[in-house]
Amino acid sequence: MSDHFRVLGIHDNHNASVSLLEDGVITFSLQEERINGIKNFNGFPALAIGRALDFGKITLDDIDLFAFGTMHNPAWKDTKALVNQYASPVWKKYLGDFFKASPLFGFYKADKARQRTKFLTAQGIPESRTRFFDHNLTHAATSLCCSGFYGKQALILSLDGGGDGSCAGIYTSMNGELSQIASTPEGNSVGNLYAVSTYYMGMMPLEHEYKLMGMAPYSQPKYYTGMSQSLERLLKVDGLTFRRSTLATSSNSIASLERIYRHQRFDAICGALQDYTERSVIQWVKNAIQATGLHRLCLSGGVFMNVKLNKLIAGLPEVEELFVMPSCGDESNAMGAAFLAYKDHCAKTGSDPAIQPLTNLYLGESFDETVIRDEVQRAGFQCEKDPNVNKYVAEMLSQDRIVARCSGRSEWGARALGNRSILANPRSFETVQKINDAIKMRDFWMPFAGSVIDVAMDRYLVNPKKIPSPYMMLAFDTTQERDSIRAATHPRDRTIRPQILTRDQNPDYYAVIEQFSRLTGTGCVLNTSFNLHGSPMVYHPREAMDTLKKSDLDILVMDNYIVRKGEKSNRG
């Protein structure tokens, strides 16, 4: 038997994922989409579980506990079903409420639980080692345990579309224990109003909300204030909770929203939605701080993927310290469930939990040079090994070339953090067009992000509180130096969503930017995810080579190997 205590956290719903925790440390984390190629995959992450076991050189028998971040049985829906749920007529909601209030619902839930246990047992996951945790409690545990605030007094806020009967939670933590102060019942969700609005705008809910956030700065208050106030009449802050004014739930609000948005400009709709979200959530945050007297905050849940909202929270005078859980949608609940199961185990055994915060997000696999060479050859290309590859990348960027990078351990979550990234010189907006033409096909109003080395942070970012932002979860205003990084800023309001990078987080990527700074005087590079439009971020060198072939990119770096588009192999 191993001396290690291992928990496999599993999220088996939208954005399915796994996390392997060993003795209080997350050692591996992966979303199923990276393996099966289905973006935001909704289902059981069987392939990711296999990769986690391979990484740890273990089997299912070596896992002490299997932890799930939801109490209820997951609803495995395909993309069409996910979209259609936001167009459901209100009568379906009433029918559902009637069913839940009937005695039959108890039998239904029990049968579903038996089916879930039977399914998991068939996957090799025994009932005796399986634990289930409340959805929003799991969100709270994720941000607390990953934050570095564990063991300190902290205020933890969870805000999402909903799960296990709630869509918002306020928690306090003293010495690592979580106590719930308030909970908002499902159906009163700011996140769902955003998702339904995304659907109304003809985009993909639970995926394209960021496009509405990106469009919002193009409008002006005189065009959207009235709509924003109307949204507040639909769903408003009531002390420490949110409360709707309609019988229809927030997820069935399409008719109410259509009445507000009808005949309005698309940019004004986005401006109204963002303004309403910011005003409402800020008020909720202030109320929570006032009620608890706590000024050290942890944020989690899908609503906090909104970096413009997070920017305003960070700027509140009431907030002294802030941690926003990276990629804080449901994919992060695999981590939270693992932490909760580990904490329960420690409580039962009388041992102190050795919770370790995140130090980086490079939690996937890396691939050795044999795999890299084999995949290059399979794709019909040649490659060159260069011991000074970081210098080469910097030189190419300084010459306004675009470089794709697939090196080291893959980053977990929604943000590319240098190891599965497309990199470019941030000095000119022409760079944006080049990247879009080559691969991304991004909507014309959407900004790209930037990676800034820590020593250059004050040159570009207005960050008086020196709040860390290693995971691109905050937006910042920019200084007068903004013109030198213009392609990494929002074209309208010139804010930036930066990865503030320290050397110890990623020495090789740091070296690229440091060398680029020596060549150009700019301590920032444009950074966007390495993927084809509509596909998940690349994971394996095979996907990197396939993406190179299917795009107009012409330089790919994988560890110390350089692949150039014009250099095809002579082998048949």
Protein backbone atom coordinates (compact mmCIF):
# COMPACT_ATOMS: atom_id res chain seq x y z
CA MET A 1 0.00 0.00 0.00
CA SER A 2 1.16 3.50 -0.74
CA ASP A 3 1.90 5.99 2.02
CA HIS A 4 0.14 8.68 -0.02
CA PHE A 5 -3.52 9.56 0.41
CA ARG A 6 -5.06 10.11 -3.01
CA VAL A 7 -8.38 11.63 -3.99
CA LEU A 8 -9.64 11.75 -7.55
CA GLY A 9 -11.98 14.71 -7.96
CA ILE A 10 -14.45 14.25 -10.80
CA HIS A 11 -16.80 16.75 -12.42
CA ASP A 12 -19.15 14.81 -14.69
CA ASN A 13 -21.33 17.53 -16.14
CA HIS A 14 -20.81 20.62 -18.31
CA ASN A 15 -17.05 21.13 -18.84
CA ALA A 16 -16.25 17.70 -17.43
CA SER A 17 -12.88 17.43 -15.70
CA VAL A 18 -10.73 15.49 -13.25
CA SER A 19 -8.20 16.49 -10.59
CA LEU A 20 -5.79 14.23 -8.76
CA LEU A 21 -4.98 15.32 -5.21
CA GLU A 22 -2.16 13.66 -3.30
CA ASP A 23 -1.65 14.52 0.38
CA GLY A 24 -3.35 17.89 0.01
CA VAL A 25 -1.64 18.90 -3.25
CA ILE A 26 -3.27 19.04 -6.70
CA THR A 27 -0.77 17.18 -8.88
CA PHE A 28 -2.79 16.78 -12.08
CA SER A 29 -5.90 18.37 -13.57
CA LEU A 30 -7.45 17.97 -17.00
CA GLN A 31 -10.68 18.69 -18.85
CA GLU A 32 -12.19 15.94 -20.97
CA GLU A 33 -12.51 18.30 -23.95
CA ARG A 34 -8.74 18.33 -24.37
CA ILE A 35 -8.76 14.62 -25.10
CA ASN A 36 -12.00 14.01 -26.99
CA GLY A 37 -11.98 17.32 -28.91
CA ILE A 38 -15.57 18.26 -27.94
CA LYS A 39 -15.48 21.79 -26.56
CA ASN A 40 -17.07 22.15 -23.10
CA PHE A 41 -17.87 18.43 -23.12
CA ASN A 42 -20.84 17.49 -20.94
CA GLY A 43 -20.59 13.96 -19.58
CA PHE A 44 -18.39 11.50 -17.73
CA PRO A 45 -14.65 12.28 -18.15
CA ALA A 46 -13.50 8.71 -18.77
CA LEU A 47 -10.54 9.64 -20.99
CA ALA A 48 -9.28 12.33 -18.59
CA ILE A 49 -9.48 9.84 -15.72
CA GLY A 50 -7.28 7.49 -17.71
CA ARG A 51 -4.72 10.26 -18.30
CA ALA A 52 -4.71 11.13 -14.58
CA LEU A 53 -4.01 7.52 -13.66
CA ASP A 54 -1.28 7.24 -16.29
CA PHE A 55 0.31 10.45 -15.02
CA GLY A 56 0.39 9.16 -11.45
CA LYS A 57 1.47 5.66 -12.57
CA ILE A 58 -1.45 4.28 -10.57
CA THR A 59 -4.72 2.42 -11.06
CA LEU A 60 -8.23 2.98 -9.74
CA ASP A 61 -7.33 0.65 -6.86
CA ASP A 62 -4.74 3.19 -5.71
CA ILE A 63 -7.36 5.94 -5.30
CA ASP A 64 -8.52 6.24 -1.69
CA LEU A 65 -11.58 8.38 -2.41
CA PHE A 66 -13.52 9.48 -5.47
CA ALA A 67 -15.12 12.91 -4.97
CA PHE A 68 -17.91 14.55 -6.99
CA GLY A 69 -18.84 18.24 -6.82
CA THR A 70 -22.59 17.80 -7.01
CA MET A 71 -25.15 15.93 -4.93
CA HIS A 72 -27.69 15.47 -7.70
CA ASN A 73 -27.35 13.26 -10.72
CA PRO A 74 -25.78 15.06 -13.68
CA ALA A 75 -27.90 15.91 -16.70
CA TRP A 76 -25.72 14.88 -19.63
CA LYS A 77 -26.90 17.12 -22.44
CA ASP A 78 -25.51 17.61 -25.91
CA THR A 79 -24.96 21.10 -27.29
CA LYS A 80 -28.41 21.32 -28.86
CA ALA A 81 -30.13 20.39 -25.59
CA LEU A 82 -28.04 22.91 -23.66
CA VAL A 83 -29.06 25.67 -26.05
CA ASN A 84 -32.72 24.69 -26.16
CA GLN A 85 -33.11 24.77 -22.39
CA TYR A 86 -32.97 28.58 -22.56
CA ALA A 87 -35.89 28.68 -24.99
CA SER A 88 -38.15 26.47 -22.88
CA PRO A 89 -41.63 27.92 -22.31
CA VAL A 90 -42.50 28.92 -18.76
CA TRP A 91 -45.19 26.23 -18.47
CA LYS A 92 -42.45 23.59 -18.49
CA LYS A 93 -40.98 25.23 -15.41
CA TYR A 94 -44.35 25.12 -13.66
CA LEU A 95 -44.78 21.48 -14.60
CA GLY A 96 -41.33 20.76 -13.19
CA ASP A 97 -42.13 22.54 -9.94
CA PHE A 98 -45.36 20.57 -9.59
CA PHE A 99 -43.47 17.31 -10.11
CA LYS A 100 -40.80 18.24 -7.55
CA ALA A 101 -43.49 18.99 -4.96
CA SER A 102 -45.16 15.60 -5.49
CA PRO A 103 -44.32 12.34 -3.64
CA LEU A 104 -43.22 10.87 -6.95
CA PHE A 105 -40.15 13.11 -7.02
CA GLY A 106 -38.60 11.31 -4.06
CA PHE A 107 -38.90 7.99 -5.87
CA TYR A 108 -37.48 9.57 -9.02
CA LYS A 109 -34.44 10.92 -7.15
CA ALA A 110 -33.82 7.59 -5.45
CA ASP A 111 -33.97 5.77 -8.78
CA LYS A 112 -31.58 8.26 -10.37
CA ALA A 113 -29.15 7.82 -7.46
CA ARG A 114 -29.25 4.04 -7.93
CA GLN A 115 -28.59 4.47 -11.65
CA ARG A 116 -25.63 6.74 -10.93
CA THR A 117 -24.15 4.27 -8.43
CA LYS A 118 -24.61 1.44 -10.93
CA PHE A 119 -22.92 3.47 -13.68
CA LEU A 120 -19.97 4.46 -11.48
CA THR A 121 -19.53 0.88 -10.26
CA ALA A 122 -19.37 -0.24 -13.89
CA GLN A 123 -16.55 2.29 -14.41
CA GLY A 124 -14.58 0.71 -11.53
CA ILE A 125 -15.54 3.35 -8.95
CA PRO A 126 -16.91 1.56 -5.86
CA GLU A 127 -19.74 3.08 -3.83
CA SER A 128 -17.80 2.61 -0.57
CA ARG A 129 -15.08 5.03 -1.70
CA THR A 130 -17.34 7.61 -3.38
CA ARG A 131 -18.28 10.96 -1.87
CA PHE A 132 -20.69 13.62 -3.16
CA PHE A 133 -20.65 17.30 -2.15
CA ASP A 134 -22.98 20.25 -2.60
CA HIS A 135 -22.31 22.19 -5.80
CA ASN A 136 -21.84 25.70 -4.37
CA LEU A 137 -20.02 24.43 -1.29
CA THR A 138 -17.61 22.80 -3.72
CA HIS A 139 -17.12 26.10 -5.55
CA ALA A 140 -16.34 27.76 -2.22
CA ALA A 141 -13.88 25.05 -1.20
CA THR A 142 -12.12 25.30 -4.56
CA SER A 143 -11.35 29.01 -4.21
CA LEU A 144 -10.48 28.84 -0.51
CA CYS A 145 -8.11 25.89 -0.79
CA CYS A 146 -6.41 27.19 -3.95
CA SER A 147 -6.06 30.77 -2.71
CA GLY A 148 -3.33 30.67 -0.11
CA PHE A 149 -5.88 32.04 2.41
CA TYR A 150 -6.56 28.62 3.94
CA GLY A 151 -6.21 28.89 7.70
CA LYS A 152 -6.90 32.64 7.65
CA GLN A 153 -10.16 34.52 8.08
CA ALA A 154 -11.74 34.91 4.65
CA LEU A 155 -15.01 35.69 2.91
CA ILE A 156 -15.84 33.26 0.11
CA LEU A 157 -18.43 34.08 -2.55
CA SER A 158 -19.86 31.61 -5.04
CA LEU A 159 -22.00 32.81 -7.95
CA ASP A 160 -23.09 30.75 -10.95
CA GLY A 161 -26.04 29.49 -12.97
CA GLY A 162 -27.02 27.00 -10.30
CA GLY A 163 -26.58 23.53 -8.93
CA ASP A 164 -28.05 21.41 -6.11
CA GLY A 165 -30.78 23.96 -5.51
CA SER A 166 -28.76 27.18 -5.20
CA CYS A 167 -27.08 29.68 -7.51
CA ALA A 168 -25.20 31.91 -5.04
CA GLY A 169 -23.58 31.34 -1.69
CA ILE A 170 -21.81 33.44 0.93
CA TYR A 171 -19.39 31.61 3.20
CA THR A 172 -16.88 32.55 5.86
CA SER A 173 -13.80 30.58 6.78
CA MET A 174 -12.01 30.49 10.09
CA ASN A 175 -9.05 28.11 10.29
CA GLY A 176 -10.03 26.37 7.07
CA GLU A 177 -13.62 25.52 7.99
CA LEU A 178 -16.44 26.79 5.77
CA SER A 179 -19.64 28.22 7.26
CA GLN A 180 -22.52 29.28 5.04
CA ILE A 181 -23.97 32.70 5.80
CA ALA A 182 -26.51 32.98 2.98
CA SER A 183 -27.75 31.07 -0.05
CA THR A 184 -29.81 32.13 -3.08
CA PRO A 185 -32.28 29.53 -4.38
CA GLU A 186 -31.84 28.31 -7.95
CA GLY A 187 -33.88 30.30 -10.44
CA ASN A 188 -32.59 33.67 -9.23
CA SER A 189 -29.31 33.62 -11.11
CA VAL A 190 -27.40 36.56 -12.56
CA GLY A 191 -25.42 33.98 -14.50
CA ASN A 192 -28.55 32.60 -16.14
CA LEU A 193 -29.71 36.07 -17.18
CA TYR A 194 -26.34 36.46 -18.90
CA ALA A 195 -26.66 33.01 -20.51
CA VAL A 196 -30.20 33.61 -21.77
CA SER A 197 -29.13 37.01 -23.12
CA THR A 198 -26.27 35.26 -24.93
CA TYR A 199 -28.82 32.89 -26.45
CA TYR A 200 -31.05 35.84 -27.42
CA MET A 201 -28.10 37.41 -29.24
CA GLY A 202 -27.72 34.30 -31.38
CA MET A 203 -24.59 33.01 -29.63
CA MET A 204 -23.77 29.91 -27.63
CA PRO A 205 -24.85 30.12 -23.99
CA LEU A 206 -22.37 28.80 -21.41
CA GLU A 207 -19.59 29.59 -23.89
CA HIS A 208 -19.93 32.96 -25.62
CA GLU A 209 -20.85 35.19 -22.68
CA TYR A 210 -17.37 36.71 -22.98
CA LYS A 211 -18.31 38.07 -26.41
CA LEU A 212 -21.11 40.14 -24.89
CA MET A 213 -18.72 41.39 -22.21
CA GLY A 214 -16.24 42.32 -24.96
CA MET A 215 -18.87 44.25 -26.91
CA ALA A 216 -20.19 46.18 -23.89
CA PRO A 217 -17.55 48.98 -23.91
CA TYR A 218 -18.59 50.01 -27.43
CA SER A 219 -21.92 51.33 -26.15
CA GLN A 220 -22.65 54.40 -24.00
CA PRO A 221 -24.78 54.84 -20.85
CA LYS A 222 -27.29 57.05 -22.65
CA TYR A 223 -28.19 54.08 -24.84
CA TYR A 224 -28.30 51.32 -22.22
CA THR A 225 -29.16 52.79 -18.79
CA GLY A 226 -32.91 52.28 -19.22
CA MET A 227 -32.44 48.64 -20.21
CA SER A 228 -30.06 48.07 -17.31
CA GLN A 229 -32.66 49.39 -14.87
CA SER A 230 -35.29 47.12 -16.43
CA LEU A 231 -33.03 44.11 -15.89
CA GLU A 232 -32.71 45.10 -12.25
CA ARG A 233 -36.48 45.02 -11.93
CA LEU A 234 -36.38 41.39 -13.13
CA LEU A 235 -33.72 40.27 -10.66
CA LYS A 236 -32.39 42.41 -7.83
CA VAL A 237 -30.16 42.14 -4.80
CA ASP A 238 -32.08 41.51 -1.59
CA GLY A 239 -29.54 41.83 1.23
CA LEU A 240 -27.30 38.77 0.96
CA THR A 241 -29.32 37.07 -1.77
CA PHE A 242 -30.78 37.69 -5.22
CA ARG A 243 -34.55 37.70 -5.75
CA ARG A 244 -36.53 37.65 -9.00
CA SER A 245 -39.77 39.59 -9.46
CA THR A 246 -41.33 37.19 -11.97
CA LEU A 247 -42.85 33.74 -11.73
CA ALA A 248 -40.52 32.65 -14.50
CA THR A 249 -37.05 31.64 -13.32
CA SER A 250 -33.91 33.32 -14.57
CA SER A 251 -33.26 30.40 -16.92
CA ASN A 252 -36.79 30.77 -18.36
CA SER A 253 -36.52 34.53 -18.78
CA ILE A 254 -36.38 34.68 -22.58
CA ALA A 255 -39.83 36.29 -22.91
CA SER A 256 -39.08 38.97 -20.30
CA LEU A 257 -35.70 39.73 -21.85
CA GLU A 258 -37.20 39.94 -25.33
CA ARG A 259 -39.55 42.67 -24.14
CA ILE A 260 -36.59 44.64 -22.75
CA TYR A 261 -34.23 44.10 -25.69
CA ARG A 262 -36.70 44.41 -28.57
CA HIS A 263 -35.62 46.97 -31.24
CA GLN A 264 -32.40 47.83 -29.35
CA ARG A 265 -28.89 47.92 -30.83
CA PHE A 266 -26.73 44.88 -30.13
CA ASP A 267 -23.98 46.94 -28.49
CA ALA A 268 -26.51 48.67 -26.23
CA ILE A 269 -27.91 45.30 -25.15
CA CYS A 270 -24.43 44.14 -24.22
CA GLY A 271 -23.75 47.41 -22.41
CA ALA A 272 -26.98 47.11 -20.42
CA LEU A 273 -26.34 43.50 -19.46
CA GLN A 274 -22.77 44.19 -18.33
CA ASP A 275 -23.78 47.34 -16.44
CA TYR A 276 -26.60 45.51 -14.66
CA THR A 277 -24.32 42.60 -13.76
CA GLU A 278 -21.62 44.88 -12.39
CA ARG A 279 -23.99 47.03 -10.33
CA SER A 280 -25.89 44.07 -8.89
CA VAL A 281 -22.92 41.89 -8.02
CA ILE A 282 -20.94 44.81 -6.59
CA GLN A 283 -23.86 45.61 -4.28
CA TRP A 284 -24.05 41.95 -3.23
CA VAL A 285 -20.32 41.86 -2.53
CA LYS A 286 -20.51 45.06 -0.47
CA ASN A 287 -23.43 43.67 1.53
CA ALA A 288 -21.46 40.48 2.24
CA ILE A 289 -18.42 42.43 3.42
CA GLN A 290 -20.56 44.64 5.64
CA ALA A 291 -22.39 41.65 7.14
CA THR A 292 -19.25 39.67 7.95
CA GLY A 293 -16.64 42.36 8.54
CA LEU A 294 -14.21 40.36 6.39
CA HIS A 295 -12.10 42.07 3.73
CA ARG A 296 -10.09 39.12 2.36
CA LEU A 297 -12.12 37.66 -0.52
CA CYS A 298 -12.19 34.45 -2.54
CA LEU A 299 -14.42 34.31 -5.63
CA SER A 300 -15.62 31.25 -7.52
CA GLY A 301 -18.43 30.18 -9.83
CA GLY A 302 -18.92 30.90 -13.52
CA VAL A 303 -20.12 34.51 -13.09
CA PHE A 304 -16.62 35.43 -11.93
CA MET A 305 -15.19 34.52 -15.32
CA ASN A 306 -16.28 38.10 -16.08
CA VAL A 307 -12.96 39.94 -15.77
CA LYS A 308 -14.52 43.41 -16.04
CA LEU A 309 -16.69 42.62 -13.02
CA ASN A 310 -13.65 41.30 -11.16
CA LYS A 311 -11.78 44.52 -11.97
CA LEU A 312 -14.44 46.54 -10.16
CA ILE A 313 -14.45 44.19 -7.17
CA ALA A 314 -10.67 44.47 -6.93
CA GLY A 315 -10.99 48.27 -6.91
CA LEU A 316 -13.46 48.41 -4.01
CA PRO A 317 -11.92 50.18 -0.99
CA GLU A 318 -13.52 47.49 1.20
CA VAL A 319 -11.43 44.76 -0.48
CA GLU A 320 -7.95 44.33 1.01
CA GLU A 321 -6.95 40.98 -0.53
CA LEU A 322 -8.53 39.16 -3.45
CA PHE A 323 -8.24 35.73 -5.03
CA VAL A 324 -10.32 34.85 -8.07
CA MET A 325 -10.34 31.13 -8.73
CA PRO A 326 -8.84 30.57 -12.19
CA SER A 327 -11.23 29.03 -14.71
CA CYS A 328 -13.84 29.21 -11.98
CA GLY A 329 -16.69 27.58 -13.89
CA ASP A 330 -17.83 24.08 -13.06
CA GLU A 331 -14.62 22.56 -14.43
CA SER A 332 -12.91 23.74 -11.23
CA ASN A 333 -15.28 21.70 -9.03
CA ALA A 334 -13.20 18.57 -9.53
CA MET A 335 -10.55 20.32 -7.44
CA GLY A 336 -13.00 21.51 -4.79
CA ALA A 337 -14.56 18.08 -4.38
CA ALA A 338 -11.11 16.53 -3.96
CA PHE A 339 -10.21 19.07 -1.27
CA LEU A 340 -13.49 18.48 0.61
CA ALA A 341 -13.05 14.70 0.58
CA TYR A 342 -9.46 15.06 1.79
CA LYS A 343 -10.55 17.41 4.59
CA ASP A 344 -13.27 14.97 5.69
CA HIS A 345 -10.72 12.17 5.76
CA CYS A 346 -8.36 14.23 7.90
CA ALA A 347 -11.18 15.10 10.30
CA LYS A 348 -12.08 11.42 10.70
CA THR A 349 -8.49 10.35 11.26
CA GLY A 350 -7.62 13.25 13.56
CA SER A 351 -4.86 14.53 11.29
CA ASP A 352 -4.26 18.11 10.15
CA PRO A 353 -4.97 18.69 6.45
CA ALA A 354 -1.87 19.80 4.56
CA ILE A 355 -3.75 21.99 2.07
CA GLN A 356 -1.37 23.51 -0.48
CA PRO A 357 -2.47 26.46 -2.64
CA LEU A 358 -2.02 26.63 -6.38
CA THR A 359 1.40 27.86 -7.46
CA ASN A 360 0.70 27.51 -11.19
CA LEU A 361 -1.81 25.94 -13.56
CA TYR A 362 0.56 23.74 -15.56
CA LEU A 363 -1.22 20.63 -14.35
CA GLY A 364 -1.58 18.55 -17.52
CA GLU A 365 0.94 16.35 -19.30
CA SER A 366 4.21 17.13 -21.01
CA PHE A 367 5.53 15.03 -23.88
CA ASP A 368 9.09 13.85 -24.45
CA GLU A 369 11.14 14.48 -27.56
CA THR A 370 10.43 11.03 -28.97
CA VAL A 371 6.71 11.82 -29.08
CA ILE A 372 7.43 15.25 -30.59
CA ARG A 373 9.70 13.89 -33.34
CA ASP A 374 7.27 11.06 -34.15
CA GLU A 375 4.34 13.45 -34.50
CA VAL A 376 6.33 15.85 -36.68
CA GLN A 377 7.32 12.98 -38.94
CA ARG A 378 3.77 11.59 -39.02
CA ALA A 379 2.51 14.98 -40.19
CA GLY A 380 5.08 15.06 -42.99
CA PHE A 381 7.25 17.87 -41.62
CA GLN A 382 10.84 18.35 -40.57
CA CYS A 383 12.00 19.80 -37.28
CA GLU A 384 15.17 21.36 -35.94
CA LYS A 385 16.44 21.08 -32.38
CA ASP A 386 17.66 24.37 -30.96
CA PRO A 387 19.11 24.59 -27.43
CA ASN A 388 18.45 28.36 -27.54
CA VAL A 389 14.82 28.00 -28.59
CA ASN A 390 13.56 30.68 -26.18
CA LYS A 391 15.89 33.23 -27.78
CA TYR A 392 14.73 32.11 -31.23
CA VAL A 393 11.06 32.64 -30.29
CA ALA A 394 11.85 36.12 -28.94
CA GLU A 395 13.71 37.01 -32.14
CA MET A 396 10.81 35.84 -34.31
CA LEU A 397 8.33 37.87 -32.25
CA SER A 398 10.54 40.94 -32.52
CA GLN A 399 10.36 40.53 -36.31
CA ASP A 400 6.54 40.50 -36.13
CA ARG A 401 6.31 36.78 -36.80
CA ILE A 402 3.57 34.74 -35.14
CA VAL A 403 4.74 31.72 -33.14
CA ALA A 404 2.69 28.83 -31.76
CA ARG A 405 4.07 27.21 -28.61
CA CYS A 406 3.30 23.68 -27.38
CA SER A 407 5.88 23.14 -24.66
CA GLY A 408 6.04 21.68 -21.17
CA ARG A 409 3.03 20.64 -19.14
CA SER A 410 -0.29 21.75 -20.55
CA GLU A 411 -2.13 24.46 -18.65
CA TRP A 412 -5.46 23.54 -17.08
CA GLY A 413 -8.57 25.64 -17.59
CA ALA A 414 -9.92 28.21 -20.00
CA ARG A 415 -6.85 30.47 -20.28
CA ALA A 416 -3.75 29.83 -22.35
CA LEU A 417 -0.77 30.65 -20.13
CA GLY A 418 2.15 30.25 -22.50
CA ASN A 419 2.52 26.50 -22.90
CA ARG A 420 -0.33 26.03 -25.39
CA SER A 421 -0.35 29.55 -26.79
CA ILE A 422 -0.06 31.59 -29.95
CA LEU A 423 2.36 34.45 -29.34
CA ALA A 424 2.88 37.72 -31.18
CA ASN A 425 4.35 41.21 -30.92
CA PRO A 426 1.76 43.38 -29.09
CA ARG A 427 2.86 46.73 -30.54
CA SER A 428 0.46 46.94 -33.51
CA PHE A 429 -3.24 46.24 -34.02
CA GLU A 430 -2.22 44.77 -37.38
CA THR A 431 -1.07 41.77 -35.36
CA VAL A 432 -4.68 41.06 -34.41
CA GLN A 433 -5.69 40.86 -38.05
CA LYS A 434 -2.74 38.60 -38.84
CA ILE A 435 -3.70 36.13 -36.11
CA ASN A 436 -7.35 36.18 -37.09
CA ASP A 437 -6.49 35.61 -40.73
CA ALA A 438 -4.06 32.82 -39.85
CA ILE A 439 -6.11 30.80 -37.40
CA LYS A 440 -8.42 32.41 -34.85
CA MET A 441 -11.23 33.99 -36.92
CA ARG A 442 -12.17 35.87 -33.76
CA ASP A 443 -15.05 38.36 -33.74
CA PHE A 444 -13.77 41.74 -34.84
CA TRP A 445 -14.56 43.49 -31.55
CA MET A 446 -12.87 40.94 -29.29
CA PRO A 447 -9.49 41.74 -27.70
CA PHE A 448 -6.56 39.42 -27.24
CA ALA A 449 -4.71 39.08 -23.94
CA GLY A 450 -1.14 39.73 -22.92
CA SER A 451 1.53 38.07 -20.79
CA VAL A 452 3.52 40.62 -18.78
CA ILE A 453 6.61 39.74 -16.79
CA ASP A 454 6.42 40.90 -13.19
CA VAL A 455 9.25 43.43 -13.45
CA ALA A 456 7.34 45.25 -16.20
CA MET A 457 3.94 45.23 -14.49
CA ASP A 458 4.05 48.81 -13.24
CA ARG A 459 4.98 50.09 -16.70
CA TYR A 460 1.72 48.91 -18.22
CA LEU A 461 -0.88 48.20 -15.51
CA VAL A 462 -2.74 50.45 -13.10
CA ASN A 463 -2.66 48.12 -10.09
CA PRO A 464 -2.24 50.18 -6.91
CA LYS A 465 -3.06 47.25 -4.61
CA LYS A 466 -0.49 45.02 -6.38
CA ILE A 467 -3.09 42.29 -6.69
CA PRO A 468 -1.52 39.21 -8.33
CA SER A 469 -3.02 38.16 -11.66
CA PRO A 470 -1.13 35.06 -12.81
CA TYR A 471 -4.17 33.42 -14.39
CA MET A 472 -5.85 36.16 -16.48
CA MET A 473 -8.83 36.51 -14.14
CA LEU A 474 -8.71 40.30 -13.78
CA ALA A 475 -8.80 43.26 -16.14
CA PHE A 476 -6.74 46.38 -15.47
CA ASP A 477 -6.60 49.90 -16.80
CA THR A 478 -3.37 50.63 -18.65
CA THR A 479 -0.81 53.39 -18.21
CA GLN A 480 0.48 55.89 -20.76
CA GLU A 481 2.74 53.06 -22.03
CA ARG A 482 -0.35 51.35 -23.47
CA ASP A 483 0.56 52.14 -27.09
CA SER A 484 3.53 49.77 -26.92
CA ILE A 485 1.18 46.86 -26.07
CA ARG A 486 -1.90 48.04 -27.97
CA ALA A 487 -2.65 44.69 -29.64
CA ALA A 488 -2.98 43.06 -26.21
CA THR A 489 -5.54 45.61 -24.98
CA HIS A 490 -9.23 46.12 -25.59
CA PRO A 491 -9.53 48.35 -28.69
CA ARG A 492 -12.27 50.49 -27.14
CA ASP A 493 -11.46 51.05 -23.47
CA ARG A 494 -7.77 50.03 -23.63
CA THR A 495 -8.01 47.72 -20.61
CA ILE A 496 -5.91 44.56 -20.53
CA ARG A 497 -6.55 41.04 -19.23
CA PRO A 498 -2.98 40.15 -18.28
CA GLN A 499 -1.11 37.13 -17.16
CA ILE A 500 1.38 38.65 -14.72
CA LEU A 501 4.17 36.11 -14.87
CA THR A 502 6.90 35.38 -12.35
CA ARG A 503 10.04 33.46 -13.25
CA ASP A 504 9.33 30.56 -10.91
CA GLN A 505 5.88 29.92 -12.43
CA ASN A 506 7.23 29.19 -15.91
CA PRO A 507 10.99 29.76 -16.36
CA ASP A 508 11.07 29.05 -20.12
CA TYR A 509 8.12 31.26 -21.00
CA TYR A 510 9.48 33.99 -18.75
CA ALA A 511 12.80 33.73 -20.61
CA VAL A 512 10.99 34.26 -23.94
CA ILE A 513 9.38 37.50 -22.75
CA GLU A 514 12.54 38.65 -20.99
CA GLN A 515 14.57 38.18 -24.16
CA PHE A 516 11.84 39.88 -26.20
CA SER A 517 12.05 42.81 -23.79
CA ARG A 518 15.81 43.08 -24.36
CA LEU A 519 15.26 43.14 -28.12
CA THR A 520 12.31 45.53 -28.24
CA GLY A 521 12.03 47.26 -24.87
CA THR A 522 8.58 45.71 -24.38
CA GLY A 523 8.04 43.40 -21.39
CA CYS A 524 4.81 41.94 -22.73
CA VAL A 525 3.78 39.58 -25.53
CA LEU A 526 0.36 39.04 -27.05
CA ASN A 527 -0.91 35.64 -25.92
CA THR A 528 -3.97 33.77 -27.18
CA SER A 529 -4.93 30.12 -26.97
CA PHE A 530 -3.48 27.68 -29.49
CA ASN A 531 -6.51 26.16 -31.19
CA LEU A 532 -8.57 26.20 -34.32
CA HIS A 533 -11.75 28.29 -34.18
CA GLY A 534 -14.42 26.39 -32.24
CA SER A 535 -12.03 23.69 -31.02
CA PRO A 536 -10.54 23.14 -27.57
CA MET A 537 -7.01 24.28 -26.83
CA VAL A 538 -4.43 21.83 -28.21
CA TYR A 539 -3.07 19.32 -25.74
CA HIS A 540 -0.85 16.73 -27.46
CA PRO A 541 1.85 17.39 -30.10
CA ARG A 542 -0.39 15.54 -32.55
CA GLU A 543 -3.07 18.23 -32.21
CA ALA A 544 -0.40 20.91 -32.46
CA MET A 545 0.80 19.51 -35.77
CA ASP A 546 -2.75 19.07 -37.09
CA THR A 547 -3.53 22.68 -36.18
CA LEU A 548 -0.36 23.85 -37.92
CA LYS A 549 -1.41 22.01 -41.08
CA LYS A 550 -4.98 23.34 -41.05
CA SER A 551 -4.05 26.97 -40.40
CA ASP A 552 -1.84 29.62 -41.91
CA LEU A 553 0.57 29.59 -38.98
CA ASP A 554 4.12 28.95 -40.13
CA ILE A 555 6.21 28.54 -36.94
CA LEU A 556 5.57 26.00 -34.19
CA VAL A 557 7.82 25.42 -31.21
CA MET A 558 7.55 22.24 -29.14
CA ASP A 559 10.04 22.17 -26.28
CA ASN A 560 13.44 22.57 -27.98
CA TYR A 561 12.15 21.68 -31.44
CA ILE A 562 11.20 24.17 -34.15
CA VAL A 563 8.82 23.28 -36.98
CA ARG A 564 8.52 25.68 -39.91
CA LYS A 565 5.58 25.42 -42.28
CA GLY A 566 7.73 25.64 -45.41
CA GLU A 567 9.95 22.73 -44.43
CA LYS A 568 8.22 19.51 -45.42
CA SER A 569 9.74 16.10 -44.96
CA ASN A 570 11.03 14.28 -48.03
CA ARG A 571 9.76 11.02 -46.60
CA GLY A 572 6.66 9.56 -48.15
